[in-house]
Amino acid sequence: MENQDNMTPDQNKNNEALEDALASELNVDDSMAGTQKLEDQLAEEDEMAKLKNEVEEAKDKYLRLVAEFENFRRRNAKERVELIQTAGKDIVQSLLVVLDDTDRASKQMEKSTDIDALKEGVGLVFNKLRGVMQQKGLVKMESIGQDFDPELHEAITEIPAPNETMVGKVIDVIEPGYYLNEKLIRHAKVVVGK
């Protein structure tokens, strides 16, 4: 740069104007940098606010989901208890007609002296009971003459077989086995030939 002593007043003014412009430009750059920092800070605050809102929403959804699951669990437990308490209701209602018949038969036994009529009446009650049980899916297991199967039978005793074909087979049934809806509910107690 030229020495300021050798400059004309116009050149001095131009230099001062140039210096002022540079200083002003520096101030503008500083203020722009400050504005940029401020904008960055505001953007970060907005981002933080968005993240906080998202966290709060996720927390709210989680709490609602936990509460909904807890309600479902309670409702399910209550329904299970009610189902267990009323599970036998259907079969008991079906057996009430048989119970009524046994009461009538009992009254008739006190009054009647005709043994054949009493036998017939009791036979009818037993048949009605068997019919109701079959309607509910109860099936009696046929075991006599079948091979002994420990999955189905419980051997009470073994006796000598009357012939060779009956060895290892069921000769007599002490207590019959039963299926309920094709599922074994009681093993048959049997006598097996040896």
Foldseek 3Di string as FASTA:
>chain_A
DDDPVPDDPVVVVVVVVVVVVVVVVVVVVVVVVVVVVVVVVVVVVVVVVVVVVVVVVVVVVVVVVVVVVVVVVVVVVVVVVVCVVCVCVVLVVLCVVLVVLVVVLVVCVVVDPPPVVSVVSVVVSVVSVVVSQVVQQKDWDDFALAADDPVAADEPEEDADPDPSQARGFHAWPAIWMDGNNHTDGHTYTYGHD
